[in-house]
């Protein structure tokens, strides 16, 4: 069936677009527009857009400067795209504005085409994601322990400031480096397979809790560490967070305490035997005195008693001295 009137296919294409589209002459006059733009302007301002209108009358005061800059850029033959939050009557929506120069069939500049695309949902999601990521980064940066974010290939994609303090590497030197950089040479064999295995079967893991493990600083010093591993997924990509605690001083202090306890026990064991001898002598001599010995014998017993007491005092002083030396080491 042939229509009784000419069909404007170009207008049909424009009206079926989800974008707001406007064609302006070089003097800002409205040459053509689609239904989406007409409805948007009416909803925002209550104005009715007509062909021949000066489009500057439909631009809000807050957008005029940006609009004129974009228009002049397009008139000079350049296409330009920006994202902007449009606000009117307490309604705010993110739009992507694109202005392109438009030419007639003889390639003479006809005017400027403005395309406005509603990107509100996408933009607000991007902002929310960016804010969430920033909060995540702030949380990592404020952590008192070194934190690494590692991808499935074992590369460090993020680390916090405490990592610099723990390992001596500036952050920029660690990013995109393999995590093996922080593993002592003697433990690097099979480390790739361990990472691969962890990604295949991820679960919270704590390394160094029951047995000491080591890490390597930039100056090649080895430190004792405890590592907590957790996996997470972002945009269908798996990552591992490693929280690393330098427990060198803690472990050395524990070892020192164990050594001191062992030494004190040994001192107590040895000295208990040495003390018993003069103490037994003293008790024996006291018993003799109480049994009523002759005066001459009593003097001799007192002499032996004094010597045994002196020996006992010497042993006690020696214990105190050796104990003090052990505790000071």
C-alpha atoms as a PDB file:
ATOM      1  CA  UNK A   1       0.000   0.000   0.000  1.00  0.00           C
ATOM      2  CA  UNK A   2       1.450   3.358  -1.044  1.00  0.00           C
ATOM      3  CA  UNK A   3       0.973   6.199   1.504  1.00  0.00           C
ATOM      4  CA  UNK A   4      -1.078   9.228   0.367  1.00  0.00           C
ATOM      5  CA  UNK A   5       1.524  11.679   1.704  1.00  0.00           C
ATOM      6  CA  UNK A   6       5.349  11.768   1.610  1.00  0.00           C
ATOM      7  CA  UNK A   7       7.040   9.931   4.460  1.00  0.00           C
ATOM      8  CA  UNK A   8       9.857  11.736   6.232  1.00  0.00           C
ATOM      9  CA  UNK A   9      12.044   8.740   6.992  1.00  0.00           C
ATOM     10  CA  UNK A  10      14.814  10.888   8.438  1.00  0.00           C
ATOM     11  CA  UNK A  11      12.390  12.330  10.980  1.00  0.00           C
ATOM     12  CA  UNK A  12      11.171   8.833  11.825  1.00  0.00           C
ATOM     13  CA  UNK A  13      14.736   7.734  12.516  1.00  0.00           C
ATOM     14  CA  UNK A  14      15.329  10.776  14.730  1.00  0.00           C
ATOM     15  CA  UNK A  15      12.089  10.278  16.680  1.00  0.00           C
ATOM     16  CA  UNK A  16      12.909   6.635  17.366  1.00  0.00           C
ATOM     17  CA  UNK A  17      16.268   7.528  18.894  1.00  0.00           C
ATOM     18  CA  UNK A  18      16.553   7.377  22.689  1.00  0.00           C
ATOM     19  CA  UNK A  19      18.877  10.405  22.529  1.00  0.00           C
ATOM     20  CA  UNK A  20      17.746  14.012  22.323  1.00  0.00           C
ATOM     21  CA  UNK A  21      18.898  15.342  18.922  1.00  0.00           C
ATOM     22  CA  UNK A  22      18.965  18.907  17.646  1.00  0.00           C
ATOM     23  CA  UNK A  23      20.270  20.496  14.434  1.00  0.00           C
ATOM     24  CA  UNK A  24      21.118  24.193  14.709  1.00  0.00           C
ATOM     25  CA  UNK A  25      22.238  26.693  12.113  1.00  0.00           C
ATOM     26  CA  UNK A  26      25.396  28.723  12.607  1.00  0.00           C
ATOM     27  CA  UNK A  27      23.207  31.499  14.050  1.00  0.00           C
ATOM     28  CA  UNK A  28      21.735  29.145  16.717  1.00  0.00           C
ATOM     29  CA  UNK A  29      18.413  28.817  14.868  1.00  0.00           C
ATOM     30  CA  UNK A  30      16.600  25.473  15.268  1.00  0.00           C
ATOM     31  CA  UNK A  31      16.643  23.613  11.923  1.00  0.00           C
ATOM     32  CA  UNK A  32      15.401  20.212  13.085  1.00  0.00           C
ATOM     33  CA  UNK A  33      14.892  18.200  16.274  1.00  0.00           C
ATOM     34  CA  UNK A  34      13.442  14.912  17.354  1.00  0.00           C
ATOM     35  CA  UNK A  35      10.566  14.057  19.658  1.00  0.00           C
ATOM     36  CA  UNK A  36      12.827  13.105  22.570  1.00  0.00           C
ATOM     37  CA  UNK A  37      14.369  16.588  22.683  1.00  0.00           C
ATOM     38  CA  UNK A  38      10.968  18.263  22.403  1.00  0.00           C
ATOM     39  CA  UNK A  39       9.567  16.252  25.321  1.00  0.00           C
ATOM     40  CA  UNK A  40      12.679  16.773  27.439  1.00  0.00           C
ATOM     41  CA  UNK A  41      12.630  20.558  27.035  1.00  0.00           C
ATOM     42  CA  UNK A  42       8.920  20.722  27.771  1.00  0.00           C
ATOM     43  CA  UNK A  43       9.343  18.531  30.887  1.00  0.00           C
ATOM     44  CA  UNK A  44      12.237  20.590  32.209  1.00  0.00           C
ATOM     45  CA  UNK A  45      11.144  24.126  31.346  1.00  0.00           C
ATOM     46  CA  UNK A  46       7.519  23.948  30.178  1.00  0.00           C
ATOM     47  CA  UNK A  47       8.547  25.617  26.898  1.00  0.00           C
ATOM     48  CA  UNK A  48       7.535  24.425  23.450  1.00  0.00           C
ATOM     49  CA  UNK A  49      10.364  24.086  20.918  1.00  0.00           C
ATOM     50  CA  UNK A  50       9.648  25.071  17.297  1.00  0.00           C
ATOM     51  CA  UNK A  51      11.655  25.167  14.097  1.00  0.00           C
ATOM     52  CA  UNK A  52      13.208  28.600  13.603  1.00  0.00           C
ATOM     53  CA  UNK A  53      13.512  29.330  17.335  1.00  0.00           C
ATOM     54  CA  UNK A  54      16.784  30.678  18.707  1.00  0.00           C
ATOM     55  CA  UNK A  55      17.990  27.744  20.751  1.00  0.00           C
ATOM     56  CA  UNK A  56      19.932  30.004  23.105  1.00  0.00           C
ATOM     57  CA  UNK A  57      16.565  30.874  24.679  1.00  0.00           C
ATOM     58  CA  UNK A  58      16.215  27.239  25.803  1.00  0.00           C
ATOM     59  CA  UNK A  59      19.645  26.961  27.391  1.00  0.00           C
ATOM     60  CA  UNK A  60      19.659  27.351  31.180  1.00  0.00           C
ATOM     61  CA  UNK A  61      21.723  30.105  32.738  1.00  0.00           C
ATOM     62  CA  UNK A  62      24.140  27.644  34.372  1.00  0.00           C
ATOM     63  CA  UNK A  63      24.760  25.898  31.026  1.00  0.00           C
ATOM     64  CA  UNK A  64      25.147  28.948  28.762  1.00  0.00           C
ATOM     65  CA  UNK A  65      28.920  29.319  29.036  1.00  0.00           C
ATOM     66  CA  UNK A  66      29.565  25.615  28.420  1.00  0.00           C
ATOM     67  CA  UNK A  67      27.021  25.559  25.572  1.00  0.00           C
ATOM     68  CA  UNK A  68      28.641  28.485  23.769  1.00  0.00           C
ATOM     69  CA  UNK A  69      32.141  26.998  24.119  1.00  0.00           C
ATOM     70  CA  UNK A  70      30.989  23.664  22.670  1.00  0.00           C
ATOM     71  CA  UNK A  71      29.090  25.376  19.867  1.00  0.00           C
ATOM     72  CA  UNK A  72      32.059  27.505  18.810  1.00  0.00           C
ATOM     73  CA  UNK A  73      34.331  24.459  18.869  1.00  0.00           C
ATOM     74  CA  UNK A  74      31.919  22.578  16.572  1.00  0.00           C
ATOM     75  CA  UNK A  75      31.623  25.570  14.239  1.00  0.00           C
ATOM     76  CA  UNK A  76      35.411  25.467  13.854  1.00  0.00           C
ATOM     77  CA  UNK A  77      35.041  21.924  12.500  1.00  0.00           C
ATOM     78  CA  UNK A  78      35.819  19.912  15.651  1.00  0.00           C
ATOM     79  CA  UNK A  79      33.608  17.354  17.384  1.00  0.00           C
ATOM     80  CA  UNK A  80      33.501  17.598  21.164  1.00  0.00           C
ATOM     81  CA  UNK A  81      31.911  15.449  23.870  1.00  0.00           C
ATOM     82  CA  UNK A  82      31.425  16.224  27.580  1.00  0.00           C
ATOM     83  CA  UNK A  83      29.529  14.792  30.522  1.00  0.00           C
ATOM     84  CA  UNK A  84      27.494  17.225  32.597  1.00  0.00           C
ATOM     85  CA  UNK A  85      24.957  17.186  35.397  1.00  0.00           C
ATOM     86  CA  UNK A  86      21.875  19.011  34.164  1.00  0.00           C
ATOM     87  CA  UNK A  87      19.747  20.562  36.903  1.00  0.00           C
ATOM     88  CA  UNK A  88      16.393  22.292  36.567  1.00  0.00           C
ATOM     89  CA  UNK A  89      13.411  22.552  38.924  1.00  0.00           C
ATOM     90  CA  UNK A  90      15.240  20.448  41.552  1.00  0.00           C
ATOM     91  CA  UNK A  91      15.733  17.634  39.026  1.00  0.00           C
ATOM     92  CA  UNK A  92      19.334  16.587  38.343  1.00  0.00           C
ATOM     93  CA  UNK A  93      20.275  14.142  35.604  1.00  0.00           C
ATOM     94  CA  UNK A  94      23.638  13.267  34.084  1.00  0.00           C
ATOM     95  CA  UNK A  95      23.843  13.767  30.308  1.00  0.00           C
ATOM     96  CA  UNK A  96      26.523  13.178  27.723  1.00  0.00           C
ATOM     97  CA  UNK A  97      26.551  16.122  25.303  1.00  0.00           C
ATOM     98  CA  UNK A  98      28.122  15.746  21.891  1.00  0.00           C
ATOM     99  CA  UNK A  99      28.349  18.550  19.332  1.00  0.00           C
ATOM    100  CA  UNK A 100      29.515  17.867  15.788  1.00  0.00           C
ATOM    101  CA  UNK A 101      29.784  20.127  12.741  1.00  0.00           C
ATOM    102  CA  UNK A 102      27.172  19.283  10.083  1.00  0.00           C
ATOM    103  CA  UNK A 103      27.653  19.858   6.350  1.00  0.00           C
ATOM    104  CA  UNK A 104      25.368  19.951   3.318  1.00  0.00           C
ATOM    105  CA  UNK A 105      25.908  17.832   0.210  1.00  0.00           C
ATOM    106  CA  UNK A 106      28.384  20.380  -1.145  1.00  0.00           C
ATOM    107  CA  UNK A 107      30.404  20.099   2.104  1.00  0.00           C
ATOM    108  CA  UNK A 108      29.473  23.594   3.183  1.00  0.00           C
ATOM    109  CA  UNK A 109      28.968  24.053   6.932  1.00  0.00           C
ATOM    110  CA  UNK A 110      25.246  23.819   7.568  1.00  0.00           C
ATOM    111  CA  UNK A 111      25.332  24.098  11.326  1.00  0.00           C
ATOM    112  CA  UNK A 112      25.898  22.062  14.454  1.00  0.00           C
ATOM    113  CA  UNK A 113      24.268  18.837  15.563  1.00  0.00           C
ATOM    114  CA  UNK A 114      23.730  18.452  19.310  1.00  0.00           C
ATOM    115  CA  UNK A 115      23.124  14.966  20.695  1.00  0.00           C
ATOM    116  CA  UNK A 116      22.236  14.647  24.387  1.00  0.00           C
ATOM    117  CA  UNK A 117      22.318  11.150  25.852  1.00  0.00           C
ATOM    118  CA  UNK A 118      20.888  10.308  29.268  1.00  0.00           C
ATOM    119  CA  UNK A 119      23.707   8.542  31.157  1.00  0.00           C
ATOM    120  CA  UNK A 120      22.309   9.141  34.636  1.00  0.00           C
ATOM    121  CA  UNK A 121      22.127   5.498  35.758  1.00  0.00           C
ATOM    122  CA  UNK A 122      25.537   4.653  34.305  1.00  0.00           C
ATOM    123  CA  UNK A 123      27.196   7.781  35.706  1.00  0.00           C
ATOM    124  CA  UNK A 124      25.753   7.385  39.193  1.00  0.00           C
ATOM    125  CA  UNK A 125      26.895   3.772  39.211  1.00  0.00           C
ATOM    126  CA  UNK A 126      30.386   4.878  38.179  1.00  0.00           C
ATOM    127  CA  UNK A 127      30.405   7.516  40.931  1.00  0.00           C
ATOM    128  CA  UNK A 128      29.195   5.001  43.524  1.00  0.00           C
ATOM    129  CA  UNK A 129      31.829   2.511  42.376  1.00  0.00           C
ATOM    130  CA  UNK A 130      34.522   5.181  42.484  1.00  0.00           C
ATOM    131  CA  UNK A 131      33.473   6.257  45.978  1.00  0.00           C
ATOM    132  CA  UNK A 132      33.398   2.644  47.111  1.00  0.00           C
ATOM    133  CA  UNK A 133      36.851   2.059  45.647  1.00  0.00           C
ATOM    134  CA  UNK A 134      38.158   5.206  47.329  1.00  0.00           C
ATOM    135  CA  UNK A 135      36.768   4.079  50.680  1.00  0.00           C
ATOM    136  CA  UNK A 136      38.434   0.716  50.128  1.00  0.00           C
ATOM    137  CA  UNK A 137      41.744   2.409  49.334  1.00  0.00           C
ATOM    138  CA  UNK A 138      41.422   4.702  52.365  1.00  0.00           C
ATOM    139  CA  UNK A 139      40.750   1.669  54.554  1.00  0.00           C
ATOM    140  CA  UNK A 140      43.852  -0.077  53.207  1.00  0.00           C
ATOM    141  CA  UNK A 141      46.004   3.042  53.597  1.00  0.00           C
ATOM    142  CA  UNK A 142      44.940   3.520  57.217  1.00  0.00           C
ATOM    143  CA  UNK A 143      45.718  -0.093  58.158  1.00  0.00           C
ATOM    144  CA  UNK A 144      48.587  -0.517  60.657  1.00  0.00           C
ATOM    145  CA  UNK A 145      49.951  -3.536  58.761  1.00  0.00           C
ATOM    146  CA  UNK A 146      51.353  -4.041  55.268  1.00  0.00           C
ATOM    147  CA  UNK A 147      48.642  -5.009  52.758  1.00  0.00           C
ATOM    148  CA  UNK A 148      49.193  -6.308  49.223  1.00  0.00           C
ATOM    149  CA  UNK A 149      46.542  -6.893  46.549  1.00  0.00           C
ATOM    150  CA  UNK A 150      47.747  -9.618  44.163  1.00  0.00           C
ATOM    151  CA  UNK A 151      46.208 -10.875  40.896  1.00  0.00           C
ATOM    152  CA  UNK A 152      46.005 -14.464  39.710  1.00  0.00           C
ATOM    153  CA  UNK A 153      49.427 -14.176  38.048  1.00  0.00           C
ATOM    154  CA  UNK A 154      51.063 -13.225  41.336  1.00  0.00           C
ATOM    155  CA  UNK A 155      51.546  -9.560  40.383  1.00  0.00           C
ATOM    156  CA  UNK A 156      51.113  -6.823  42.963  1.00  0.00           C
ATOM    157  CA  UNK A 157      48.424  -4.403  41.746  1.00  0.00           C
ATOM    158  CA  UNK A 158      48.107  -2.338  44.921  1.00  0.00           C
ATOM    159  CA  UNK A 159      49.840  -1.882  48.261  1.00  0.00           C
ATOM    160  CA  UNK A 160      49.582   0.537  51.144  1.00  0.00           C
ATOM    161  CA  UNK A 161      52.002   2.933  52.805  1.00  0.00           C
ATOM    162  CA  UNK A 162      52.803   0.485  55.614  1.00  0.00           C
ATOM    163  CA  UNK A 163      54.204  -1.860  52.953  1.00  0.00           C
ATOM    164  CA  UNK A 164      56.905   0.735  52.294  1.00  0.00           C
ATOM    165  CA  UNK A 165      57.700   0.902  56.014  1.00  0.00           C
ATOM    166  CA  UNK A 166      57.836  -2.897  56.326  1.00  0.00           C
ATOM    167  CA  UNK A 167      59.835  -3.780  53.208  1.00  0.00           C
ATOM    168  CA  UNK A 168      61.636  -0.553  52.310  1.00  0.00           C
ATOM    169  CA  UNK A 169      60.280  -0.436  48.738  1.00  0.00           C
ATOM    170  CA  UNK A 170      58.465   2.700  47.481  1.00  0.00           C
ATOM    171  CA  UNK A 171      54.946   1.778  46.326  1.00  0.00           C
ATOM    172  CA  UNK A 172      55.735   2.520  42.680  1.00  0.00           C
ATOM    173  CA  UNK A 173      58.561  -0.038  42.750  1.00  0.00           C
ATOM    174  CA  UNK A 174      56.228  -2.798  43.952  1.00  0.00           C
ATOM    175  CA  UNK A 175      53.264  -2.202  41.615  1.00  0.00           C
ATOM    176  CA  UNK A 176      53.210  -4.748  38.734  1.00  0.00           C
ATOM    177  CA  UNK A 177      56.098  -6.664  40.307  1.00  0.00           C
ATOM    178  CA  UNK A 178      55.688 -10.331  41.152  1.00  0.00           C
ATOM    179  CA  UNK A 179      55.102 -11.020  44.831  1.00  0.00           C
ATOM    180  CA  UNK A 180      58.138 -13.323  44.721  1.00  0.00           C
ATOM    181  CA  UNK A 181      60.213 -10.159  45.015  1.00  0.00           C
ATOM    182  CA  UNK A 182      59.419 -10.313  48.732  1.00  0.00           C
ATOM    183  CA  UNK A 183      60.102 -14.042  49.081  1.00  0.00           C
ATOM    184  CA  UNK A 184      63.593 -15.207  50.183  1.00  0.00           C
ATOM    185  CA  UNK A 185      65.493 -16.982  47.386  1.00  0.00           C
ATOM    186  CA  UNK A 186      65.511 -20.347  49.156  1.00  0.00           C
ATOM    187  CA  UNK A 187      61.683 -20.360  49.288  1.00  0.00           C
ATOM    188  CA  UNK A 188      60.910 -19.223  45.718  1.00  0.00           C
ATOM    189  CA  UNK A 189      60.839 -22.693  44.197  1.00  0.00           C
ATOM    190  CA  UNK A 190      57.226 -23.705  43.612  1.00  0.00           C
ATOM    191  CA  UNK A 191      55.849 -20.351  44.761  1.00  0.00           C
ATOM    192  CA  UNK A 192      54.005 -19.876  41.438  1.00  0.00           C
ATOM    193  CA  UNK A 193      52.322 -23.256  41.875  1.00  0.00           C
ATOM    194  CA  UNK A 194      51.277 -22.301  45.389  1.00  0.00           C
ATOM    195  CA  UNK A 195      49.593 -19.109  44.113  1.00  0.00           C
ATOM    196  CA  UNK A 196      47.896 -21.005  41.300  1.00  0.00           C
ATOM    197  CA  UNK A 197      46.663 -23.622  43.755  1.00  0.00           C
ATOM    198  CA  UNK A 198      45.311 -20.966  46.103  1.00  0.00           C
ATOM    199  CA  UNK A 199      43.286 -19.320  43.324  1.00  0.00           C
ATOM    200  CA  UNK A 200      41.851 -22.710  42.332  1.00  0.00           C
ATOM    201  CA  UNK A 201      40.718 -23.371  45.891  1.00  0.00           C
ATOM    202  CA  UNK A 202      40.647 -20.046  47.730  1.00  0.00           C
ATOM    203  CA  UNK A 203      39.942 -19.891  51.451  1.00  0.00           C
ATOM    204  CA  UNK A 204      41.067 -17.711  54.362  1.00  0.00           C
ATOM    205  CA  UNK A 205      44.577 -18.794  55.323  1.00  0.00           C
ATOM    206  CA  UNK A 206      47.069 -17.710  57.952  1.00  0.00           C
ATOM    207  CA  UNK A 207      50.744 -18.384  57.295  1.00  0.00           C
ATOM    208  CA  UNK A 208      53.229 -18.149  60.124  1.00  0.00           C
ATOM    209  CA  UNK A 209      50.802 -18.806  62.986  1.00  0.00           C
ATOM    210  CA  UNK A 210      52.195 -22.163  64.023  1.00  0.00           C
ATOM    211  CA  UNK A 211      55.553 -21.974  62.273  1.00  0.00           C
ATOM    212  CA  UNK A 212      57.740 -19.005  61.446  1.00  0.00           C
ATOM    213  CA  UNK A 213      57.943 -17.883  57.822  1.00  0.00           C
ATOM    214  CA  UNK A 214      60.242 -15.241  56.368  1.00  0.00           C
ATOM    215  CA  UNK A 215      60.080 -12.347  53.916  1.00  0.00           C
ATOM    216  CA  UNK A 216      62.754 -10.336  52.129  1.00  0.00           C
ATOM    217  CA  UNK A 217      63.232  -6.576  52.457  1.00  0.00           C
ATOM    218  CA  UNK A 218      64.728  -4.328  49.776  1.00  0.00           C
ATOM    219  CA  UNK A 219      68.080  -4.305  51.559  1.00  0.00           C
ATOM    220  CA  UNK A 220      68.022  -8.166  51.383  1.00  0.00           C
ATOM    221  CA  UNK A 221      67.370  -8.450  55.117  1.00  0.00           C
ATOM    222  CA  UNK A 222      65.096 -11.324  56.041  1.00  0.00           C
ATOM    223  CA  UNK A 223      62.302 -10.657  58.502  1.00  0.00           C
ATOM    224  CA  UNK A 224      59.929 -13.009  60.296  1.00  0.00           C
ATOM    225  CA  UNK A 225      56.319 -12.477  59.211  1.00  0.00           C
ATOM    226  CA  UNK A 226      52.788 -13.695  59.705  1.00  0.00           C
ATOM    227  CA  UNK A 227      50.617 -13.556  56.543  1.00  0.00           C
ATOM    228  CA  UNK A 228      46.809 -13.655  56.348  1.00  0.00           C
ATOM    229  CA  UNK A 229      45.367 -14.457  52.904  1.00  0.00           C
ATOM    230  CA  UNK A 230      41.826 -13.798  51.667  1.00  0.00           C
ATOM    231  CA  UNK A 231      40.369 -13.937  48.156  1.00  0.00           C
ATOM    232  CA  UNK A 232      37.774 -11.647  46.585  1.00  0.00           C
ATOM    233  CA  UNK A 233      36.267 -11.050  43.142  1.00  0.00           C
ATOM    234  CA  UNK A 234      35.822  -7.712  41.330  1.00  0.00           C
ATOM    235  CA  UNK A 235      34.228  -7.592  37.878  1.00  0.00           C
ATOM    236  CA  UNK A 236      34.570 -11.386  37.565  1.00  0.00           C
ATOM    237  CA  UNK A 237      38.308 -11.147  38.249  1.00  0.00           C
ATOM    238  CA  UNK A 238      39.830 -12.894  41.268  1.00  0.00           C
ATOM    239  CA  UNK A 239      42.318 -11.221  43.574  1.00  0.00           C
ATOM    240  CA  UNK A 240      44.033 -12.059  46.846  1.00  0.00           C
ATOM    241  CA  UNK A 241      44.643  -9.685  49.726  1.00  0.00           C
ATOM    242  CA  UNK A 242      47.688 -10.430  51.851  1.00  0.00           C
ATOM    243  CA  UNK A 243      47.951  -8.798  55.279  1.00  0.00           C
ATOM    244  CA  UNK A 244      51.576  -9.031  56.397  1.00  0.00           C
ATOM    245  CA  UNK A 245      52.679  -8.504  59.998  1.00  0.00           C
ATOM    246  CA  UNK A 246      56.357  -8.173  60.856  1.00  0.00           C
ATOM    247  CA  UNK A 247      56.711 -10.398  63.937  1.00  0.00           C
ATOM    248  CA  UNK A 248      60.517 -10.377  64.045  1.00  0.00           C
ATOM    249  CA  UNK A 249      60.773  -8.528  67.364  1.00  0.00           C
ATOM    250  CA  UNK A 250      57.910 -10.550  68.838  1.00  0.00           C
ATOM    251  CA  UNK A 251      59.466 -13.903  67.884  1.00  0.00           C
ATOM    252  CA  UNK A 252      62.935 -12.860  69.052  1.00  0.00           C
ATOM    253  CA  UNK A 253      61.464 -11.663  72.347  1.00  0.00           C
ATOM    254  CA  UNK A 254      59.622 -14.977  72.796  1.00  0.00           C
ATOM    255  CA  UNK A 255      62.795 -16.898  72.029  1.00  0.00           C
ATOM    256  CA  UNK A 256      64.705 -14.775  74.535  1.00  0.00           C
ATOM    257  CA  UNK A 257      62.105 -15.436  77.230  1.00  0.00           C
ATOM    258  CA  UNK A 258      62.175 -19.190  76.547  1.00  0.00           C
ATOM    259  CA  UNK A 259      65.960 -19.138  76.755  1.00  0.00           C
ATOM    260  CA  UNK A 260      65.869 -17.215  80.026  1.00  0.00           C
ATOM    261  CA  UNK A 261      63.319 -19.587  81.532  1.00  0.00           C
ATOM    262  CA  UNK A 262      65.470 -22.556  80.522  1.00  0.00           C
ATOM    263  CA  UNK A 263      68.583 -20.945  82.019  1.00  0.00           C
ATOM    264  CA  UNK A 264      66.784 -20.058  85.250  1.00  0.00           C
ATOM    265  CA  UNK A 265      65.494 -23.598  85.594  1.00  0.00           C
ATOM    266  CA  UNK A 266      69.006 -24.892  85.047  1.00  0.00           C
ATOM    267  CA  UNK A 267      70.393 -22.457  87.638  1.00  0.00           C
ATOM    268  CA  UNK A 268      67.744 -23.529  90.113  1.00  0.00           C
ATOM    269  CA  UNK A 269      68.444 -27.199  89.490  1.00  0.00           C
ATOM    270  CA  UNK A 270      72.219 -26.882  89.927  1.00  0.00           C
ATOM    271  CA  UNK A 271      72.153 -24.463  92.831  1.00  0.00           C
ATOM    272  CA  UNK A 272      69.577 -26.486  94.742  1.00  0.00           C
ATOM    273  CA  UNK A 273      72.127 -29.270  95.012  1.00  0.00           C
ATOM    274  CA  UNK A 274      74.914 -26.885  96.019  1.00  0.00           C
ATOM    275  CA  UNK A 275      72.775 -25.206  98.680  1.00  0.00           C
ATOM    276  CA  UNK A 276      71.743 -28.470 100.297  1.00  0.00           C
ATOM    277  CA  UNK A 277      75.295 -29.271 101.439  1.00  0.00           C
ATOM    278  CA  UNK A 278      75.930 -26.175 103.669  1.00  0.00           C
ATOM    279  CA  UNK A 279      72.283 -26.162 104.731  1.00  0.00           C
ATOM    280  CA  UNK A 280      72.565 -29.813 105.863  1.00  0.00           C
ATOM    281  CA  UNK A 281      75.773 -28.963 107.730  1.00  0.00           C
ATOM    282  CA  UNK A 282      74.058 -26.087 109.505  1.00  0.00           C
ATOM    283  CA  UNK A 283      71.113 -28.233 110.544  1.00  0.00           C
ATOM    284  CA  UNK A 284      73.432 -31.004 111.750  1.00  0.00           C
ATOM    285  CA  UNK A 285      75.578 -28.613 113.768  1.00  0.00           C
ATOM    286  CA  UNK A 286      72.526 -26.987 115.342  1.00  0.00           C
ATOM    287  CA  UNK A 287      71.318 -30.415 116.422  1.00  0.00           C
ATOM    288  CA  UNK A 288      74.699 -31.087 118.046  1.00  0.00           C
ATOM    289  CA  UNK A 289      74.538 -27.811 119.954  1.00  0.00           C
ATOM    290  CA  UNK A 290      71.108 -28.674 121.225  1.00  0.00           C
ATOM    291  CA  UNK A 291      72.348 -32.076 122.456  1.00  0.00           C
ATOM    292  CA  UNK A 292      74.506 -30.442 125.197  1.00  0.00           C
ATOM    293  CA  UNK A 293      78.127 -30.760 124.021  1.00  0.00           C
ATOM    294  CA  UNK A 294      81.185 -29.704 126.118  1.00  0.00           C
ATOM    295  CA  UNK A 295      82.224 -26.034 125.865  1.00  0.00           C
ATOM    296  CA  UNK A 296      85.404 -26.820 123.964  1.00  0.00           C
ATOM    297  CA  UNK A 297      83.470 -28.874 121.425  1.00  0.00           C
ATOM    298  CA  UNK A 298      80.792 -26.179 121.233  1.00  0.00           C
ATOM    299  CA  UNK A 299      83.390 -23.600 120.133  1.00  0.00           C
ATOM    300  CA  UNK A 300      84.506 -25.915 117.355  1.00  0.00           C
ATOM    301  CA  UNK A 301      80.896 -26.487 116.292  1.00  0.00           C
ATOM    302  CA  UNK A 302      80.310 -22.708 116.183  1.00  0.00           C
ATOM    303  CA  UNK A 303      83.350 -22.367 113.926  1.00  0.00           C
ATOM    304  CA  UNK A 304      81.991 -24.995 111.513  1.00  0.00           C
ATOM    305  CA  UNK A 305      78.537 -23.394 111.732  1.00  0.00           C
ATOM    306  CA  UNK A 306      79.924 -20.001 110.752  1.00  0.00           C
ATOM    307  CA  UNK A 307      81.784 -21.487 107.787  1.00  0.00           C
ATOM    308  CA  UNK A 308      78.649 -23.327 106.560  1.00  0.00           C
ATOM    309  CA  UNK A 309      76.586 -20.135 106.875  1.00  0.00           C
ATOM    310  CA  UNK A 310      79.240 -18.218 104.914  1.00  0.00           C
ATOM    311  CA  UNK A 311      79.220 -20.898 102.192  1.00  0.00           C
ATOM    312  CA  UNK A 312      75.425 -20.712 102.055  1.00  0.00           C
ATOM    313  CA  UNK A 313      75.533 -16.905 101.693  1.00  0.00           C
ATOM    314  CA  UNK A 314      78.108 -17.258  98.895  1.00  0.00           C
ATOM    315  CA  UNK A 315      75.880 -19.710  97.028  1.00  0.00           C
ATOM    316  CA  UNK A 316      72.866 -17.424  97.391  1.00  0.00           C
ATOM    317  CA  UNK A 317      74.803 -14.393  96.109  1.00  0.00           C
ATOM    318  CA  UNK A 318      76.022 -16.470  93.165  1.00  0.00           C
ATOM    319  CA  UNK A 319      72.433 -17.464  92.325  1.00  0.00           C
ATOM    320  CA  UNK A 320      71.331 -13.824  92.410  1.00  0.00           C
ATOM    321  CA  UNK A 321      74.250 -12.801  90.194  1.00  0.00           C
ATOM    322  CA  UNK A 322      73.723 -15.556  87.619  1.00  0.00           C
ATOM    323  CA  UNK A 323      69.971 -14.887  87.548  1.00  0.00           C
ATOM    324  CA  UNK A 324      70.563 -11.171  86.927  1.00  0.00           C
ATOM    325  CA  UNK A 325      72.979 -11.953  84.087  1.00  0.00           C
ATOM    326  CA  UNK A 326      70.466 -14.334  82.486  1.00  0.00           C
ATOM    327  CA  UNK A 327      67.622 -11.822  82.666  1.00  0.00           C
ATOM    328  CA  UNK A 328      69.751  -9.003  81.233  1.00  0.00           C
ATOM    329  CA  UNK A 329      70.725 -10.927  78.093  1.00  0.00           C
END
